[in-house]
């Protein structure tokens, strides 16, 4: 991680601390946890709030084609940086609340990787975000979210109302600050997918 990326993150955090949620980009260990279950077979990947592209780089290392990545970033500076670093990816500079009514209308994905600060979002916005993502996720798709908090950042009542479940898939103390990663998926998935996950 370059000093320039750290500086960009710090400046973005100073401008909007609730939207950025961290003064530094995520570390390699967290990026590995966020992407460890995603393979090219899953299909296109949607990344929300990619920042400087730490998770994006980890997805490429997992074998995801750059052209199969759609990156939605609100901050204009980060969006321009991402477009330069990942020219074959689709980079959209917009609010995630607008993505399904605009450029992503009718698009379907195999996985969602989220760097959004869900804990600082209104519950109605978290509900709408997950509802929209799961309406546009393939049947076996999952939503991957990290948090600096002690539990899943999506309230249980929101998960229940949408028929979703959350499972912690890892935690790293070697991130600043320490973080945990959750897989959010549909409550009922075909048995084959469960067997495949345990076999991997």
N, C-alpha and C. Protein backbone atom coordinates (compact mmCIF):
# COMPACT_ATOMS: atom_id res chain seq x y z
N UNK A 1 0.85 -1.19 0.00
CA UNK A 1 0.00 0.00 0.00
C UNK A 1 0.88 1.24 0.00
N UNK A 2 0.67 2.11 -0.95
CA UNK A 2 1.55 3.26 -1.10
C UNK A 2 1.19 4.37 -0.11
N UNK A 3 2.16 5.23 0.16
CA UNK A 3 1.92 6.38 1.03
C UNK A 3 0.87 7.30 0.43
N UNK A 4 0.89 7.40 -0.90
CA UNK A 4 -0.07 8.27 -1.58
C UNK A 4 -1.50 7.77 -1.35
N UNK A 5 -1.70 6.43 -1.40
CA UNK A 5 -3.03 5.87 -1.15
C UNK A 5 -3.47 6.15 0.28
N UNK A 6 -2.54 6.02 1.22
CA UNK A 6 -2.88 6.32 2.62
C UNK A 6 -3.28 7.78 2.77
N UNK A 7 -2.54 8.66 2.09
CA UNK A 7 -2.85 10.09 2.16
C UNK A 7 -4.23 10.38 1.55
N UNK A 8 -4.51 9.75 0.39
CA UNK A 8 -5.82 9.93 -0.23
C UNK A 8 -6.95 9.52 0.73
N UNK A 9 -6.75 8.37 1.38
CA UNK A 9 -7.77 7.88 2.30
C UNK A 9 -7.96 8.83 3.47
N UNK A 10 -6.87 9.29 4.02
CA UNK A 10 -6.96 10.20 5.16
C UNK A 10 -7.70 11.48 4.77
N UNK A 11 -7.38 12.04 3.61
CA UNK A 11 -8.05 13.26 3.17
C UNK A 11 -9.53 13.03 2.92
N UNK A 12 -9.86 11.87 2.33
CA UNK A 12 -11.27 11.54 2.10
C UNK A 12 -12.01 11.37 3.43
N UNK A 13 -11.33 10.75 4.39
CA UNK A 13 -11.94 10.56 5.70
C UNK A 13 -12.18 11.90 6.39
N UNK A 14 -11.24 12.82 6.28
CA UNK A 14 -11.40 14.14 6.88
C UNK A 14 -12.59 14.89 6.28
N UNK A 15 -12.83 14.69 4.97
CA UNK A 15 -13.97 15.34 4.32
C UNK A 15 -15.30 14.72 4.73
N UNK A 16 -15.32 13.38 4.90
CA UNK A 16 -16.58 12.68 5.18
C UNK A 16 -16.32 11.45 6.02
N UNK A 17 -16.07 11.62 7.33
CA UNK A 17 -15.70 10.48 8.18
C UNK A 17 -16.75 9.38 8.27
N UNK A 18 -18.03 9.72 8.23
CA UNK A 18 -19.07 8.68 8.31
C UNK A 18 -19.16 7.87 7.02
N UNK A 19 -18.85 8.50 5.89
CA UNK A 19 -18.94 7.80 4.61
C UNK A 19 -17.70 6.96 4.35
N UNK A 20 -16.54 7.38 4.82
CA UNK A 20 -15.29 6.66 4.56
C UNK A 20 -15.03 5.63 5.65
N UNK A 21 -15.25 5.97 6.92
CA UNK A 21 -15.22 5.05 8.07
C UNK A 21 -13.84 4.59 8.50
N UNK A 22 -12.79 4.87 7.74
CA UNK A 22 -11.44 4.48 8.14
C UNK A 22 -10.46 5.51 7.62
N UNK A 23 -9.36 5.68 8.35
CA UNK A 23 -8.37 6.66 7.91
C UNK A 23 -7.33 6.05 6.99
N UNK A 24 -7.41 4.74 6.75
CA UNK A 24 -6.42 4.07 5.90
C UNK A 24 -7.09 2.96 5.09
N UNK A 25 -6.60 2.65 3.90
CA UNK A 25 -7.16 1.55 3.12
C UNK A 25 -7.02 0.22 3.86
N UNK A 26 -7.88 -0.72 3.51
CA UNK A 26 -7.82 -2.06 4.12
C UNK A 26 -6.50 -2.74 3.77
N UNK A 27 -6.06 -3.64 4.66
CA UNK A 27 -4.81 -4.35 4.44
C UNK A 27 -4.98 -5.61 3.60
N UNK A 28 -3.87 -6.22 3.24
CA UNK A 28 -3.87 -7.41 2.39
C UNK A 28 -4.58 -8.59 3.05
N UNK A 29 -4.41 -8.75 4.36
CA UNK A 29 -5.05 -9.86 5.06
C UNK A 29 -6.58 -9.75 4.98
N UNK A 30 -7.11 -8.55 5.21
CA UNK A 30 -8.55 -8.35 5.11
C UNK A 30 -9.03 -8.56 3.68
N UNK A 31 -8.27 -8.08 2.72
CA UNK A 31 -8.64 -8.27 1.31
C UNK A 31 -8.70 -9.75 0.97
N UNK A 32 -7.76 -10.54 1.51
CA UNK A 32 -7.79 -11.98 1.28
C UNK A 32 -9.02 -12.64 1.87
N UNK A 33 -9.41 -12.22 3.07
CA UNK A 33 -10.62 -12.78 3.70
C UNK A 33 -11.87 -12.40 2.92
N UNK A 34 -11.93 -11.17 2.46
CA UNK A 34 -13.11 -10.70 1.74
C UNK A 34 -13.33 -11.43 0.43
N UNK A 35 -12.27 -11.92 -0.17
CA UNK A 35 -12.38 -12.49 -1.52
C UNK A 35 -12.13 -13.99 -1.57
N UNK A 36 -11.83 -14.63 -0.44
CA UNK A 36 -11.38 -16.03 -0.47
C UNK A 36 -12.41 -17.01 -1.01
N UNK A 37 -13.71 -16.69 -0.93
CA UNK A 37 -14.75 -17.61 -1.41
C UNK A 37 -15.20 -17.32 -2.83
N UNK A 38 -14.62 -16.32 -3.46
CA UNK A 38 -15.07 -15.90 -4.79
C UNK A 38 -14.15 -16.47 -5.86
N UNK A 39 -14.74 -17.11 -6.85
CA UNK A 39 -13.96 -17.68 -7.95
C UNK A 39 -14.52 -17.17 -9.28
N UNK A 40 -13.77 -17.32 -10.35
CA UNK A 40 -14.28 -16.89 -11.66
C UNK A 40 -15.58 -17.56 -12.05
N UNK A 41 -15.83 -18.77 -11.53
CA UNK A 41 -17.06 -19.49 -11.87
C UNK A 41 -18.31 -18.80 -11.34
N UNK A 42 -18.13 -17.93 -10.35
CA UNK A 42 -19.29 -17.25 -9.75
C UNK A 42 -19.93 -16.25 -10.71
N UNK A 43 -19.17 -15.79 -11.68
CA UNK A 43 -19.70 -14.81 -12.61
C UNK A 43 -19.23 -13.40 -12.26
N UNK A 44 -19.84 -12.39 -12.88
CA UNK A 44 -19.42 -11.01 -12.65
C UNK A 44 -19.52 -10.63 -11.17
N UNK A 45 -18.63 -9.75 -10.75
CA UNK A 45 -18.58 -9.32 -9.35
C UNK A 45 -18.85 -7.82 -9.29
N UNK A 46 -19.71 -7.44 -8.33
CA UNK A 46 -20.01 -6.05 -8.07
C UNK A 46 -19.28 -5.63 -6.80
N UNK A 47 -18.49 -4.57 -6.87
CA UNK A 47 -17.80 -4.08 -5.69
C UNK A 47 -18.33 -2.70 -5.35
N UNK A 48 -18.72 -2.54 -4.09
CA UNK A 48 -19.31 -1.29 -3.61
C UNK A 48 -18.32 -0.58 -2.68
N UNK A 49 -18.05 0.67 -2.96
CA UNK A 49 -17.11 1.43 -2.14
C UNK A 49 -15.70 0.89 -2.20
N UNK A 50 -15.13 0.69 -3.39
CA UNK A 50 -13.80 0.09 -3.51
C UNK A 50 -12.64 0.98 -3.06
N UNK A 51 -12.87 2.27 -2.90
CA UNK A 51 -11.79 3.15 -2.44
C UNK A 51 -10.62 3.16 -3.40
N UNK A 52 -9.45 2.74 -2.93
CA UNK A 52 -8.25 2.73 -3.78
C UNK A 52 -8.07 1.40 -4.52
N UNK A 53 -8.95 0.44 -4.28
CA UNK A 53 -8.90 -0.80 -5.05
C UNK A 53 -8.17 -1.96 -4.40
N UNK A 54 -8.06 -1.98 -3.07
CA UNK A 54 -7.37 -3.09 -2.40
C UNK A 54 -8.10 -4.41 -2.63
N UNK A 55 -9.43 -4.41 -2.44
CA UNK A 55 -10.21 -5.63 -2.67
C UNK A 55 -10.23 -5.97 -4.16
N UNK A 56 -10.26 -4.95 -4.99
CA UNK A 56 -10.26 -5.16 -6.45
C UNK A 56 -9.02 -5.94 -6.87
N UNK A 57 -7.87 -5.53 -6.36
CA UNK A 57 -6.63 -6.24 -6.67
C UNK A 57 -6.67 -7.68 -6.18
N UNK A 58 -7.27 -7.90 -5.01
CA UNK A 58 -7.37 -9.26 -4.48
C UNK A 58 -8.30 -10.12 -5.34
N UNK A 59 -9.35 -9.52 -5.88
CA UNK A 59 -10.26 -10.26 -6.79
C UNK A 59 -9.51 -10.68 -8.05
N UNK A 60 -8.67 -9.80 -8.58
CA UNK A 60 -7.89 -10.14 -9.76
C UNK A 60 -6.94 -11.31 -9.46
N UNK A 61 -6.36 -11.31 -8.27
CA UNK A 61 -5.48 -12.43 -7.88
C UNK A 61 -6.25 -13.73 -7.75
N UNK A 62 -7.54 -13.65 -7.46
CA UNK A 62 -8.39 -14.85 -7.37
C UNK A 62 -8.76 -15.36 -8.76
N UNK A 63 -8.38 -14.64 -9.79
CA UNK A 63 -8.66 -15.08 -11.15
C UNK A 63 -9.86 -14.43 -11.80
N UNK A 64 -10.48 -13.47 -11.12
CA UNK A 64 -11.62 -12.77 -11.71
C UNK A 64 -11.10 -11.87 -12.83
N UNK A 65 -11.70 -11.95 -13.99
CA UNK A 65 -11.28 -11.09 -15.10
C UNK A 65 -11.63 -9.63 -14.78
N UNK A 66 -10.72 -8.73 -15.11
CA UNK A 66 -10.97 -7.31 -14.84
C UNK A 66 -12.26 -6.84 -15.51
N UNK A 67 -12.54 -7.38 -16.70
CA UNK A 67 -13.75 -6.99 -17.42
C UNK A 67 -15.02 -7.51 -16.76
N UNK A 68 -14.90 -8.42 -15.79
CA UNK A 68 -16.05 -8.94 -15.04
C UNK A 68 -16.29 -8.17 -13.74
N UNK A 69 -15.56 -7.06 -13.55
CA UNK A 69 -15.70 -6.28 -12.33
C UNK A 69 -16.47 -4.98 -12.61
N UNK A 70 -17.44 -4.72 -11.76
CA UNK A 70 -18.15 -3.44 -11.78
C UNK A 70 -17.89 -2.78 -10.43
N UNK A 71 -17.31 -1.59 -10.46
CA UNK A 71 -16.90 -0.88 -9.25
C UNK A 71 -17.76 0.37 -9.09
N UNK A 72 -18.49 0.45 -7.98
CA UNK A 72 -19.35 1.60 -7.71
C UNK A 72 -18.73 2.41 -6.58
N UNK A 73 -18.28 3.60 -6.90
CA UNK A 73 -17.56 4.45 -5.94
C UNK A 73 -18.17 5.85 -5.93
N UNK A 74 -18.52 6.34 -4.76
CA UNK A 74 -19.15 7.66 -4.64
C UNK A 74 -18.13 8.80 -4.78
N UNK A 75 -16.94 8.61 -4.20
CA UNK A 75 -15.93 9.67 -4.19
C UNK A 75 -15.31 9.83 -5.59
N UNK A 76 -15.39 11.04 -6.13
CA UNK A 76 -14.90 11.28 -7.49
C UNK A 76 -13.40 11.00 -7.62
N UNK A 77 -12.61 11.38 -6.62
CA UNK A 77 -11.16 11.16 -6.68
C UNK A 77 -10.84 9.66 -6.74
N UNK A 78 -11.52 8.88 -5.91
CA UNK A 78 -11.29 7.43 -5.91
C UNK A 78 -11.76 6.82 -7.23
N UNK A 79 -12.90 7.28 -7.75
CA UNK A 79 -13.41 6.73 -9.01
C UNK A 79 -12.42 6.95 -10.15
N UNK A 80 -11.83 8.14 -10.21
CA UNK A 80 -10.84 8.43 -11.25
C UNK A 80 -9.60 7.57 -11.07
N UNK A 81 -9.18 7.39 -9.83
CA UNK A 81 -8.03 6.53 -9.53
C UNK A 81 -8.29 5.10 -9.98
N UNK A 82 -9.48 4.59 -9.65
CA UNK A 82 -9.84 3.21 -10.02
C UNK A 82 -9.88 3.02 -11.53
N UNK A 83 -10.42 4.00 -12.25
CA UNK A 83 -10.49 3.89 -13.70
C UNK A 83 -9.10 3.82 -14.31
N UNK A 84 -8.15 4.55 -13.73
CA UNK A 84 -6.78 4.48 -14.21
C UNK A 84 -6.10 3.17 -13.88
N UNK A 85 -6.38 2.63 -12.69
CA UNK A 85 -5.74 1.38 -12.27
C UNK A 85 -6.36 0.14 -12.90
N UNK A 86 -7.65 0.20 -13.15
CA UNK A 86 -8.37 -0.97 -13.67
C UNK A 86 -9.17 -0.56 -14.91
N UNK A 87 -8.47 -0.27 -16.01
CA UNK A 87 -9.14 0.30 -17.19
C UNK A 87 -10.18 -0.61 -17.84
N UNK A 88 -10.08 -1.92 -17.63
CA UNK A 88 -11.05 -2.83 -18.25
C UNK A 88 -12.28 -3.06 -17.38
N UNK A 89 -12.23 -2.58 -16.13
CA UNK A 89 -13.39 -2.71 -15.24
C UNK A 89 -14.40 -1.61 -15.55
N UNK A 90 -15.65 -1.85 -15.19
CA UNK A 90 -16.68 -0.82 -15.33
C UNK A 90 -16.70 -0.03 -14.03
N UNK A 91 -16.29 1.23 -14.08
CA UNK A 91 -16.24 2.08 -12.89
C UNK A 91 -17.37 3.09 -12.97
N UNK A 92 -18.21 3.11 -11.94
CA UNK A 92 -19.35 4.02 -11.89
C UNK A 92 -19.21 4.94 -10.69
N UNK A 93 -19.19 6.24 -10.93
CA UNK A 93 -19.10 7.19 -9.84
C UNK A 93 -20.52 7.67 -9.52
N UNK A 94 -21.12 7.01 -8.50
CA UNK A 94 -22.48 7.35 -8.12
C UNK A 94 -22.81 6.83 -6.73
N UNK A 95 -23.94 7.25 -6.22
CA UNK A 95 -24.45 6.81 -4.92
C UNK A 95 -25.05 5.42 -5.09
N UNK A 96 -24.73 4.49 -4.19
CA UNK A 96 -25.25 3.13 -4.32
C UNK A 96 -26.78 3.09 -4.28
N UNK A 97 -27.40 4.11 -3.70
CA UNK A 97 -28.86 4.14 -3.65
C UNK A 97 -29.48 4.36 -5.02
N UNK A 98 -28.67 4.77 -5.99
CA UNK A 98 -29.17 5.07 -7.33
C UNK A 98 -28.78 4.01 -8.36
N UNK A 99 -27.98 3.02 -7.96
CA UNK A 99 -27.38 2.16 -8.98
C UNK A 99 -28.37 1.25 -9.71
N UNK A 100 -29.40 0.76 -9.03
CA UNK A 100 -30.30 -0.19 -9.70
C UNK A 100 -31.32 0.52 -10.59
N UNK A 101 -31.54 1.80 -10.37
CA UNK A 101 -32.49 2.53 -11.22
C UNK A 101 -31.79 3.17 -12.41
N UNK A 102 -30.47 3.05 -12.45
CA UNK A 102 -29.71 3.66 -13.53
C UNK A 102 -28.86 2.68 -14.29
N UNK A 103 -27.53 2.83 -14.22
CA UNK A 103 -26.63 2.07 -15.08
C UNK A 103 -26.62 0.57 -14.84
N UNK A 104 -27.06 0.11 -13.67
CA UNK A 104 -27.02 -1.34 -13.41
C UNK A 104 -28.38 -2.00 -13.56
N UNK A 105 -29.35 -1.26 -14.04
CA UNK A 105 -30.69 -1.83 -14.24
C UNK A 105 -30.62 -3.05 -15.16
N UNK A 106 -31.14 -4.17 -14.68
CA UNK A 106 -31.15 -5.39 -15.49
C UNK A 106 -29.86 -6.18 -15.46
N UNK A 107 -28.85 -5.74 -14.70
CA UNK A 107 -27.58 -6.46 -14.60
C UNK A 107 -27.63 -7.45 -13.44
N UNK A 108 -27.02 -8.63 -13.63
CA UNK A 108 -26.98 -9.64 -12.58
C UNK A 108 -25.53 -10.00 -12.26
N UNK A 109 -25.28 -10.33 -11.00
CA UNK A 109 -23.93 -10.60 -10.52
C UNK A 109 -23.86 -11.91 -9.76
N UNK A 110 -22.64 -12.43 -9.66
CA UNK A 110 -22.43 -13.66 -8.91
C UNK A 110 -22.09 -13.40 -7.46
N UNK A 111 -21.47 -12.25 -7.18
CA UNK A 111 -21.07 -11.89 -5.82
C UNK A 111 -21.05 -10.38 -5.69
N UNK A 112 -21.22 -9.92 -4.44
CA UNK A 112 -21.06 -8.51 -4.13
C UNK A 112 -20.01 -8.40 -3.03
N UNK A 113 -19.04 -7.53 -3.23
CA UNK A 113 -18.01 -7.25 -2.23
C UNK A 113 -18.23 -5.81 -1.77
N UNK A 114 -18.48 -5.63 -0.49
CA UNK A 114 -18.86 -4.30 -0.01
C UNK A 114 -17.85 -3.72 0.98
N UNK A 115 -17.38 -2.53 0.65
CA UNK A 115 -16.54 -1.77 1.56
C UNK A 115 -17.32 -0.60 2.15
N UNK A 116 -18.65 -0.68 2.09
CA UNK A 116 -19.49 0.41 2.58
C UNK A 116 -19.55 0.41 4.11
N UNK A 117 -19.62 1.58 4.73
CA UNK A 117 -19.73 1.67 6.20
C UNK A 117 -21.17 1.47 6.65
N UNK A 118 -21.65 0.23 6.66
CA UNK A 118 -23.06 -0.03 6.96
C UNK A 118 -23.47 0.49 8.33
N UNK A 119 -22.54 0.46 9.29
CA UNK A 119 -22.89 0.90 10.64
C UNK A 119 -23.25 2.38 10.71
N UNK A 120 -22.80 3.16 9.76
CA UNK A 120 -23.13 4.59 9.76
C UNK A 120 -24.29 4.91 8.82
N UNK A 121 -24.87 3.88 8.21
CA UNK A 121 -26.00 4.09 7.30
C UNK A 121 -27.32 3.92 8.04
N UNK A 122 -28.36 4.58 7.56
CA UNK A 122 -29.70 4.44 8.13
C UNK A 122 -30.20 3.02 7.86
N UNK A 123 -30.94 2.43 8.83
CA UNK A 123 -31.47 1.07 8.61
C UNK A 123 -32.27 0.93 7.32
N UNK A 124 -33.06 1.95 6.97
CA UNK A 124 -33.84 1.87 5.72
C UNK A 124 -32.92 1.79 4.50
N UNK A 125 -31.78 2.48 4.56
CA UNK A 125 -30.83 2.43 3.45
C UNK A 125 -30.14 1.08 3.37
N UNK A 126 -29.83 0.49 4.54
CA UNK A 126 -29.21 -0.84 4.55
C UNK A 126 -30.20 -1.87 3.99
N UNK A 127 -31.45 -1.76 4.40
CA UNK A 127 -32.49 -2.67 3.89
C UNK A 127 -32.59 -2.55 2.37
N UNK A 128 -32.70 -1.32 1.87
CA UNK A 128 -32.84 -1.10 0.43
C UNK A 128 -31.61 -1.60 -0.32
N UNK A 129 -30.43 -1.39 0.25
CA UNK A 129 -29.19 -1.84 -0.39
C UNK A 129 -29.20 -3.36 -0.56
N UNK A 130 -29.50 -4.08 0.52
CA UNK A 130 -29.49 -5.54 0.45
C UNK A 130 -30.61 -6.07 -0.42
N UNK A 131 -31.78 -5.46 -0.33
CA UNK A 131 -32.89 -5.89 -1.17
C UNK A 131 -32.53 -5.75 -2.64
N UNK A 132 -31.94 -4.61 -3.00
CA UNK A 132 -31.55 -4.39 -4.39
C UNK A 132 -30.47 -5.36 -4.84
N UNK A 133 -29.47 -5.57 -4.00
CA UNK A 133 -28.37 -6.47 -4.38
C UNK A 133 -28.88 -7.90 -4.56
N UNK A 134 -29.68 -8.39 -3.62
CA UNK A 134 -30.14 -9.78 -3.74
C UNK A 134 -31.18 -9.97 -4.84
N UNK A 135 -31.83 -8.89 -5.26
CA UNK A 135 -32.72 -8.97 -6.42
C UNK A 135 -31.92 -9.09 -7.71
N UNK A 136 -30.63 -8.73 -7.63
CA UNK A 136 -29.77 -8.77 -8.82
C UNK A 136 -28.58 -9.71 -8.65
N UNK A 137 -28.70 -10.62 -7.68
CA UNK A 137 -27.68 -11.65 -7.48
C UNK A 137 -28.19 -12.98 -8.00
N UNK A 138 -27.31 -13.74 -8.59
CA UNK A 138 -27.67 -15.08 -9.03
C UNK A 138 -28.05 -15.94 -7.83
N UNK A 139 -28.75 -17.07 -8.05
CA UNK A 139 -29.28 -17.86 -6.93
C UNK A 139 -28.26 -18.22 -5.85
N UNK A 140 -27.02 -18.49 -6.23
CA UNK A 140 -26.01 -18.87 -5.24
C UNK A 140 -25.16 -17.69 -4.77
N UNK A 141 -25.53 -16.51 -5.22
CA UNK A 141 -24.71 -15.34 -4.92
C UNK A 141 -24.68 -14.97 -3.45
N UNK A 142 -23.60 -14.31 -3.05
CA UNK A 142 -23.44 -13.87 -1.66
C UNK A 142 -22.92 -12.43 -1.64
N UNK A 143 -23.19 -11.79 -0.52
CA UNK A 143 -22.79 -10.41 -0.27
C UNK A 143 -21.75 -10.44 0.84
N UNK A 144 -20.55 -9.97 0.56
CA UNK A 144 -19.45 -10.02 1.53
C UNK A 144 -19.22 -8.63 2.11
N UNK A 145 -19.22 -8.58 3.44
CA UNK A 145 -19.12 -7.29 4.13
C UNK A 145 -18.14 -7.40 5.30
N UNK A 146 -17.29 -6.40 5.45
CA UNK A 146 -16.42 -6.40 6.62
C UNK A 146 -16.92 -5.36 7.61
N UNK A 147 -16.50 -5.50 8.85
CA UNK A 147 -16.88 -4.55 9.88
C UNK A 147 -15.77 -4.41 10.90
N UNK A 148 -15.69 -3.25 11.51
CA UNK A 148 -14.77 -3.04 12.62
C UNK A 148 -15.49 -3.27 13.95
N UNK A 149 -16.79 -3.50 13.90
CA UNK A 149 -17.59 -3.71 15.10
C UNK A 149 -17.53 -5.14 15.61
N UNK A 150 -18.18 -5.40 16.77
CA UNK A 150 -18.11 -6.72 17.41
C UNK A 150 -19.07 -7.76 16.83
N UNK A 151 -20.00 -7.33 15.96
CA UNK A 151 -20.97 -8.28 15.39
C UNK A 151 -21.32 -7.86 13.97
N UNK A 152 -22.16 -8.67 13.33
CA UNK A 152 -22.56 -8.38 11.95
C UNK A 152 -23.16 -6.98 11.87
N UNK A 153 -22.75 -6.19 10.89
CA UNK A 153 -23.25 -4.81 10.80
C UNK A 153 -24.68 -4.70 10.27
N UNK A 154 -25.25 -5.81 9.84
CA UNK A 154 -26.65 -5.80 9.39
C UNK A 154 -27.52 -6.30 10.53
N UNK A 155 -28.46 -5.49 11.02
CA UNK A 155 -29.32 -5.92 12.12
C UNK A 155 -30.09 -7.21 11.79
N UNK A 156 -30.30 -8.03 12.81
CA UNK A 156 -30.97 -9.32 12.63
C UNK A 156 -32.36 -9.15 12.02
N UNK A 157 -33.06 -8.09 12.40
CA UNK A 157 -34.42 -7.90 11.88
C UNK A 157 -34.42 -7.63 10.37
N UNK A 158 -33.39 -6.96 9.88
CA UNK A 158 -33.28 -6.74 8.43
C UNK A 158 -32.98 -8.06 7.72
N UNK A 159 -32.04 -8.82 8.27
CA UNK A 159 -31.73 -10.13 7.68
C UNK A 159 -32.97 -10.99 7.63
N UNK A 160 -33.70 -11.08 8.75
CA UNK A 160 -34.89 -11.93 8.82
C UNK A 160 -35.96 -11.49 7.83
N UNK A 161 -36.19 -10.20 7.73
CA UNK A 161 -37.25 -9.71 6.86
C UNK A 161 -36.95 -9.96 5.38
N UNK A 162 -35.66 -10.07 5.05
CA UNK A 162 -35.27 -10.32 3.65
C UNK A 162 -34.97 -11.79 3.39
N UNK A 163 -35.12 -12.64 4.41
CA UNK A 163 -34.83 -14.07 4.22
C UNK A 163 -33.35 -14.34 4.04
N UNK A 164 -32.51 -13.60 4.77
CA UNK A 164 -31.06 -13.73 4.64
C UNK A 164 -30.44 -14.23 5.94
N UNK A 165 -29.24 -14.78 5.82
CA UNK A 165 -28.47 -15.20 6.99
C UNK A 165 -27.05 -14.66 6.84
N UNK A 166 -26.42 -14.41 7.99
CA UNK A 166 -25.05 -13.92 7.98
C UNK A 166 -24.16 -14.89 8.74
N UNK A 167 -22.99 -15.16 8.21
CA UNK A 167 -22.01 -16.04 8.87
C UNK A 167 -20.66 -15.36 8.84
N UNK A 168 -20.00 -15.33 10.00
CA UNK A 168 -18.65 -14.77 10.05
C UNK A 168 -17.70 -15.76 9.40
N UNK A 169 -16.94 -15.32 8.41
CA UNK A 169 -16.02 -16.23 7.72
C UNK A 169 -14.56 -15.97 8.07
N UNK A 170 -14.33 -14.99 8.92
CA UNK A 170 -12.96 -14.75 9.34
C UNK A 170 -12.81 -13.42 10.07
N UNK A 171 -11.69 -13.31 10.75
CA UNK A 171 -11.35 -12.08 11.47
C UNK A 171 -9.85 -11.89 11.37
N UNK A 172 -9.43 -10.67 11.24
CA UNK A 172 -8.00 -10.39 11.22
C UNK A 172 -7.67 -9.27 12.19
N UNK A 173 -6.68 -9.53 13.02
CA UNK A 173 -6.16 -8.50 13.91
C UNK A 173 -5.07 -7.71 13.22
N UNK A 174 -4.62 -8.22 12.04
CA UNK A 174 -3.54 -7.58 11.30
C UNK A 174 -4.09 -6.59 10.28
N UNK A 175 -5.09 -5.85 10.71
CA UNK A 175 -5.66 -4.78 9.90
C UNK A 175 -5.81 -3.59 10.84
N UNK A 176 -5.76 -2.40 10.31
CA UNK A 176 -5.90 -1.21 11.14
C UNK A 176 -7.19 -0.49 10.74
N UNK A 177 -8.23 -0.53 11.61
CA UNK A 177 -8.33 -1.32 12.84
C UNK A 177 -8.65 -2.78 12.54
N UNK A 178 -8.59 -3.68 13.55
CA UNK A 178 -8.96 -5.08 13.34
C UNK A 178 -10.37 -5.19 12.77
N UNK A 179 -10.59 -6.22 11.94
CA UNK A 179 -11.88 -6.33 11.25
C UNK A 179 -12.33 -7.78 11.16
N UNK A 180 -13.63 -7.95 10.98
CA UNK A 180 -14.22 -9.27 10.75
C UNK A 180 -14.97 -9.23 9.43
N UNK A 181 -15.08 -10.38 8.77
CA UNK A 181 -15.75 -10.49 7.48
C UNK A 181 -16.96 -11.41 7.61
N UNK A 182 -18.08 -10.96 7.04
CA UNK A 182 -19.32 -11.74 7.05
C UNK A 182 -19.76 -12.05 5.63
N UNK A 183 -20.27 -13.28 5.46
CA UNK A 183 -20.94 -13.67 4.22
C UNK A 183 -22.44 -13.60 4.49
N UNK A 184 -23.14 -12.82 3.70
CA UNK A 184 -24.60 -12.72 3.81
C UNK A 184 -25.18 -13.42 2.58
N UNK A 185 -26.06 -14.35 2.82
CA UNK A 185 -26.61 -15.13 1.72
C UNK A 185 -28.09 -15.42 1.97
N UNK A 186 -28.75 -15.94 0.97
CA UNK A 186 -30.15 -16.32 1.14
C UNK A 186 -30.26 -17.46 2.15
N UNK A 187 -31.34 -17.44 2.93
CA UNK A 187 -31.49 -18.44 3.97
C UNK A 187 -31.57 -19.85 3.40
N UNK A 188 -32.25 -19.98 2.28
CA UNK A 188 -32.42 -21.31 1.69
C UNK A 188 -31.66 -21.38 0.38
N UNK A 189 -30.65 -22.23 0.34
CA UNK A 189 -29.88 -22.48 -0.87
C UNK A 189 -29.89 -23.98 -1.15
N UNK A 190 -29.82 -24.36 -2.41
CA UNK A 190 -29.78 -25.79 -2.73
C UNK A 190 -28.64 -26.50 -2.01
N UNK A 191 -28.87 -27.73 -1.63
CA UNK A 191 -27.89 -28.52 -0.87
C UNK A 191 -26.57 -28.62 -1.60
N UNK A 192 -26.59 -28.69 -2.92
CA UNK A 192 -25.36 -28.83 -3.71
C UNK A 192 -24.38 -27.72 -3.40
N UNK A 193 -24.88 -26.47 -3.28
CA UNK A 193 -24.00 -25.34 -3.02
C UNK A 193 -23.36 -25.47 -1.64
N UNK A 194 -24.13 -25.91 -0.65
CA UNK A 194 -23.60 -26.07 0.69
C UNK A 194 -22.49 -27.13 0.70
N UNK A 195 -22.72 -28.24 0.00
CA UNK A 195 -21.73 -29.31 -0.07
C UNK A 195 -20.45 -28.83 -0.75
N UNK A 196 -20.60 -28.04 -1.82
CA UNK A 196 -19.44 -27.53 -2.53
C UNK A 196 -18.60 -26.59 -1.64
N UNK A 197 -19.29 -25.77 -0.83
CA UNK A 197 -18.60 -24.82 0.03
C UNK A 197 -17.78 -25.56 1.08
N UNK A 198 -18.35 -26.62 1.67
CA UNK A 198 -17.63 -27.37 2.69
C UNK A 198 -16.48 -28.19 2.10
N UNK A 199 -16.60 -28.54 0.83
CA UNK A 199 -15.55 -29.33 0.20
C UNK A 199 -14.35 -28.50 -0.20
N UNK A 200 -14.56 -27.16 -0.35
CA UNK A 200 -13.46 -26.29 -0.82
C UNK A 200 -12.56 -25.87 0.31
